[in-house]
Amino acid sequence: MDIASILKKYRHIAVVGISDKPERASNAVARYMIHAGYAIYPVNPSISTVLGLECWPSLSAIPAEKRELIEIVDIFRKPQDVPPVVDEAIAIGAKVVWMQLGITNEAAAEKARNAGLDVVQNRCLSVEHMHFVS
């Protein structure tokens, strides 16, 4: 599925590696996507709330009734930290693994593709949304 279709079809996004610092890209992207009407599920083991939302330590720690809604897993982690996030994305039934600008991990991407997920690498979710949807 192409980027425009992903952004139009899916509305529930887990943001893995979100920061509670407003100046950080992960925080800005989440804020933008909330404003654009998407549901955000923050994931960071170091914080309990961000942007007025409960924050979970991992995808698997999100309560089942919320976890099953997640369609896109947006990753703000170092490339070497991506594989376990992809494993969790597959396990929770996500539809898309999205690695933010500057993040690529071909082995993890291939694993996600082999599990039936769409994969986007090295792209900013909010920039792509502005380009394709707005």
C-alpha atoms as a PDB file:
ATOM      1  CA  MET A   1       0.000   0.000   0.000  1.00  0.00           C
ATOM      2  CA  ASP A   2       1.346   3.449  -0.799  1.00  0.00           C
ATOM      3  CA  ILE A   3       1.852   6.243   1.734  1.00  0.00           C
ATOM      4  CA  ALA A   4      -1.219   8.246   0.712  1.00  0.00           C
ATOM      5  CA  SER A   5      -3.440   5.174   1.054  1.00  0.00           C
ATOM      6  CA  ILE A   6      -1.945   4.311   4.451  1.00  0.00           C
ATOM      7  CA  LEU A   7      -2.621   7.813   5.766  1.00  0.00           C
ATOM      8  CA  LYS A   8      -6.173   7.862   4.442  1.00  0.00           C
ATOM      9  CA  LYS A   9      -7.123   4.348   5.569  1.00  0.00           C
ATOM     10  CA  TYR A  10      -5.606   4.082   9.055  1.00  0.00           C
ATOM     11  CA  ARG A  11      -6.399   6.415  11.976  1.00  0.00           C
ATOM     12  CA  HIS A  12      -4.817   4.771  15.071  1.00  0.00           C
ATOM     13  CA  ILE A  13      -1.086   5.327  15.601  1.00  0.00           C
ATOM     14  CA  ALA A  14       1.234   4.089  18.333  1.00  0.00           C
ATOM     15  CA  VAL A  15       4.216   6.451  18.658  1.00  0.00           C
ATOM     16  CA  VAL A  16       7.129   4.406  20.006  1.00  0.00           C
ATOM     17  CA  GLY A  17       9.877   6.520  21.534  1.00  0.00           C
ATOM     18  CA  ILE A  18       7.710   9.599  22.038  1.00  0.00           C
ATOM     19  CA  SER A  19       9.249  12.373  24.110  1.00  0.00           C
ATOM     20  CA  ASP A  20       7.515  14.634  26.603  1.00  0.00           C
ATOM     21  CA  LYS A  21       9.764  17.500  25.413  1.00  0.00           C
ATOM     22  CA  PRO A  22       7.747  19.720  23.010  1.00  0.00           C
ATOM     23  CA  GLU A  23      10.825  20.558  20.930  1.00  0.00           C
ATOM     24  CA  ARG A  24      11.493  16.902  20.049  1.00  0.00           C
ATOM     25  CA  ALA A  25      10.301  15.609  16.681  1.00  0.00           C
ATOM     26  CA  SER A  26       8.359  12.709  18.217  1.00  0.00           C
ATOM     27  CA  ASN A  27       6.310  15.109  20.325  1.00  0.00           C
ATOM     28  CA  ALA A  28       5.701  17.505  17.436  1.00  0.00           C
ATOM     29  CA  VAL A  29       4.631  14.708  15.080  1.00  0.00           C
ATOM     30  CA  ALA A  30       2.225  13.272  17.668  1.00  0.00           C
ATOM     31  CA  ARG A  31       0.737  16.737  18.303  1.00  0.00           C
ATOM     32  CA  TYR A  32       0.297  17.320  14.586  1.00  0.00           C
ATOM     33  CA  MET A  33      -1.359  13.933  14.039  1.00  0.00           C
ATOM     34  CA  ILE A  34      -3.744  14.480  16.981  1.00  0.00           C
ATOM     35  CA  HIS A  35      -4.688  17.848  15.480  1.00  0.00           C
ATOM     36  CA  ALA A  36      -5.251  16.089  12.126  1.00  0.00           C
ATOM     37  CA  GLY A  37      -7.777  13.762  13.794  1.00  0.00           C
ATOM     38  CA  TYR A  38      -5.719  10.631  14.447  1.00  0.00           C
ATOM     39  CA  ALA A  39      -5.789   8.644  17.703  1.00  0.00           C
ATOM     40  CA  ILE A  40      -2.336   8.457  19.289  1.00  0.00           C
ATOM     41  CA  TYR A  41      -1.068   5.761  21.667  1.00  0.00           C
ATOM     42  CA  PRO A  42       2.208   6.974  23.247  1.00  0.00           C
ATOM     43  CA  VAL A  43       4.919   4.419  24.066  1.00  0.00           C
ATOM     44  CA  ASN A  44       7.957   5.269  26.194  1.00  0.00           C
ATOM     45  CA  PRO A  45       9.056   3.382  29.333  1.00  0.00           C
ATOM     46  CA  SER A  46      10.452   6.575  30.913  1.00  0.00           C
ATOM     47  CA  ILE A  47       7.278   8.683  31.068  1.00  0.00           C
ATOM     48  CA  SER A  48       3.724   8.061  32.313  1.00  0.00           C
ATOM     49  CA  THR A  49       1.837  10.755  30.416  1.00  0.00           C
ATOM     50  CA  VAL A  50       2.462  12.935  27.371  1.00  0.00           C
ATOM     51  CA  LEU A  51       0.184  15.379  25.547  1.00  0.00           C
ATOM     52  CA  GLY A  52      -2.498  14.599  28.134  1.00  0.00           C
ATOM     53  CA  LEU A  53      -2.434  10.912  27.160  1.00  0.00           C
ATOM     54  CA  GLU A  54      -1.413   7.887  29.186  1.00  0.00           C
ATOM     55  CA  CYS A  55       1.966   6.579  28.035  1.00  0.00           C
ATOM     56  CA  TRP A  56       2.815   2.865  28.083  1.00  0.00           C
ATOM     57  CA  PRO A  57       6.258   1.251  28.458  1.00  0.00           C
ATOM     58  CA  SER A  58       5.791  -0.990  25.380  1.00  0.00           C
ATOM     59  CA  LEU A  59       3.245  -1.881  22.719  1.00  0.00           C
ATOM     60  CA  SER A  60       2.396  -5.101  24.541  1.00  0.00           C
ATOM     61  CA  ALA A  61       1.728  -3.145  27.761  1.00  0.00           C
ATOM     62  CA  ILE A  62      -1.109  -1.192  26.131  1.00  0.00           C
ATOM     63  CA  PRO A  63      -4.460  -2.581  27.337  1.00  0.00           C
ATOM     64  CA  ALA A  64      -5.902  -5.100  24.853  1.00  0.00           C
ATOM     65  CA  GLU A  65      -8.984  -3.018  24.031  1.00  0.00           C
ATOM     66  CA  LYS A  66      -6.726  -0.144  22.912  1.00  0.00           C
ATOM     67  CA  ARG A  67      -3.900  -2.274  21.531  1.00  0.00           C
ATOM     68  CA  GLU A  68      -6.220  -4.019  19.060  1.00  0.00           C
ATOM     69  CA  LEU A  69      -7.097  -0.619  17.533  1.00  0.00           C
ATOM     70  CA  ILE A  70      -3.490   0.231  16.629  1.00  0.00           C
ATOM     71  CA  GLU A  71      -2.902   0.194  12.884  1.00  0.00           C
ATOM     72  CA  ILE A  72       0.342   2.156  12.441  1.00  0.00           C
ATOM     73  CA  VAL A  73       3.393   1.780  14.667  1.00  0.00           C
ATOM     74  CA  ASP A  74       5.452   4.951  14.223  1.00  0.00           C
ATOM     75  CA  ILE A  75       9.006   4.364  15.433  1.00  0.00           C
ATOM     76  CA  PHE A  76      11.282   7.055  16.887  1.00  0.00           C
ATOM     77  CA  ARG A  77      14.134   4.777  17.952  1.00  0.00           C
ATOM     78  CA  LYS A  78      17.703   4.171  16.787  1.00  0.00           C
ATOM     79  CA  PRO A  79      17.901   1.737  13.853  1.00  0.00           C
ATOM     80  CA  GLN A  80      19.460  -0.966  16.049  1.00  0.00           C
ATOM     81  CA  ASP A  81      16.479  -0.671  18.463  1.00  0.00           C
ATOM     82  CA  VAL A  82      13.872  -1.238  15.734  1.00  0.00           C
ATOM     83  CA  PRO A  83      13.746  -5.097  15.581  1.00  0.00           C
ATOM     84  CA  PRO A  84      12.035  -5.671  18.962  1.00  0.00           C
ATOM     85  CA  VAL A  85       9.504  -2.934  18.137  1.00  0.00           C
ATOM     86  CA  VAL A  86       8.747  -4.665  14.838  1.00  0.00           C
ATOM     87  CA  ASP A  87       8.319  -7.961  16.694  1.00  0.00           C
ATOM     88  CA  GLU A  88       5.779  -6.307  18.992  1.00  0.00           C
ATOM     89  CA  ALA A  89       4.029  -4.597  16.068  1.00  0.00           C
ATOM     90  CA  ILE A  90       3.602  -7.985  14.408  1.00  0.00           C
ATOM     91  CA  ALA A  91       2.410  -9.548  17.674  1.00  0.00           C
ATOM     92  CA  ILE A  92      -0.288  -6.919  18.288  1.00  0.00           C
ATOM     93  CA  GLY A  93      -1.616  -7.150  14.731  1.00  0.00           C
ATOM     94  CA  ALA A  94      -0.542  -3.722  13.462  1.00  0.00           C
ATOM     95  CA  LYS A  95      -0.940  -3.068   9.743  1.00  0.00           C
ATOM     96  CA  VAL A  96       2.003  -0.708   9.175  1.00  0.00           C
ATOM     97  CA  VAL A  97       5.492  -0.226  10.586  1.00  0.00           C
ATOM     98  CA  TRP A  98       6.630   3.351   9.989  1.00  0.00           C
ATOM     99  CA  MET A  99      10.264   4.276  10.683  1.00  0.00           C
ATOM    100  CA  GLN A 100      10.681   8.009  11.000  1.00  0.00           C
ATOM    101  CA  LEU A 101      13.036  10.218   9.011  1.00  0.00           C
ATOM    102  CA  GLY A 102      16.615   9.007   9.391  1.00  0.00           C
ATOM    103  CA  ILE A 103      15.604   5.529  10.551  1.00  0.00           C
ATOM    104  CA  THR A 104      16.041   2.422   8.426  1.00  0.00           C
ATOM    105  CA  ASN A 105      16.512  -1.214   9.341  1.00  0.00           C
ATOM    106  CA  GLU A 106      16.208  -3.453   6.305  1.00  0.00           C
ATOM    107  CA  ALA A 107      16.206  -6.737   8.247  1.00  0.00           C
ATOM    108  CA  ALA A 108      13.372  -5.536  10.497  1.00  0.00           C
ATOM    109  CA  ALA A 109      11.518  -4.128   7.490  1.00  0.00           C
ATOM    110  CA  GLU A 110      11.774  -7.467   5.678  1.00  0.00           C
ATOM    111  CA  LYS A 111      10.505  -9.303   8.760  1.00  0.00           C
ATOM    112  CA  ALA A 112       7.511  -6.949   8.930  1.00  0.00           C
ATOM    113  CA  ARG A 113       6.800  -7.372   5.204  1.00  0.00           C
ATOM    114  CA  ASN A 114       7.022 -11.165   5.527  1.00  0.00           C
ATOM    115  CA  ALA A 115       4.421 -10.945   8.317  1.00  0.00           C
ATOM    116  CA  GLY A 116       2.083  -9.016   6.000  1.00  0.00           C
ATOM    117  CA  LEU A 117       2.682  -5.483   7.263  1.00  0.00           C
ATOM    118  CA  ASP A 118       3.282  -2.471   5.064  1.00  0.00           C
ATOM    119  CA  VAL A 119       6.601  -0.765   5.787  1.00  0.00           C
ATOM    120  CA  VAL A 120       7.669   2.861   5.441  1.00  0.00           C
ATOM    121  CA  GLN A 121      11.282   3.808   6.214  1.00  0.00           C
ATOM    122  CA  ASN A 122      13.114   7.113   6.473  1.00  0.00           C
ATOM    123  CA  ARG A 123       9.971   9.247   6.154  1.00  0.00           C
ATOM    124  CA  CYS A 124       8.326  11.722   8.518  1.00  0.00           C
ATOM    125  CA  LEU A 125       4.705  10.840   9.233  1.00  0.00           C
ATOM    126  CA  SER A 126       3.530  14.456   9.606  1.00  0.00           C
ATOM    127  CA  VAL A 127       5.423  15.686   6.520  1.00  0.00           C
ATOM    128  CA  GLU A 128       3.930  12.874   4.449  1.00  0.00           C
ATOM    129  CA  HIS A 129       0.487  13.687   5.847  1.00  0.00           C
ATOM    130  CA  MET A 130       0.876  17.343   4.848  1.00  0.00           C
ATOM    131  CA  HIS A 131       1.993  16.258   1.381  1.00  0.00           C
ATOM    132  CA  PHE A 132      -0.626  13.592   0.644  1.00  0.00           C
ATOM    133  CA  VAL A 133      -3.667  14.317   2.762  1.00  0.00           C
ATOM    134  CA  SER A 134      -3.876  17.972   3.755  1.00  0.00           C
END
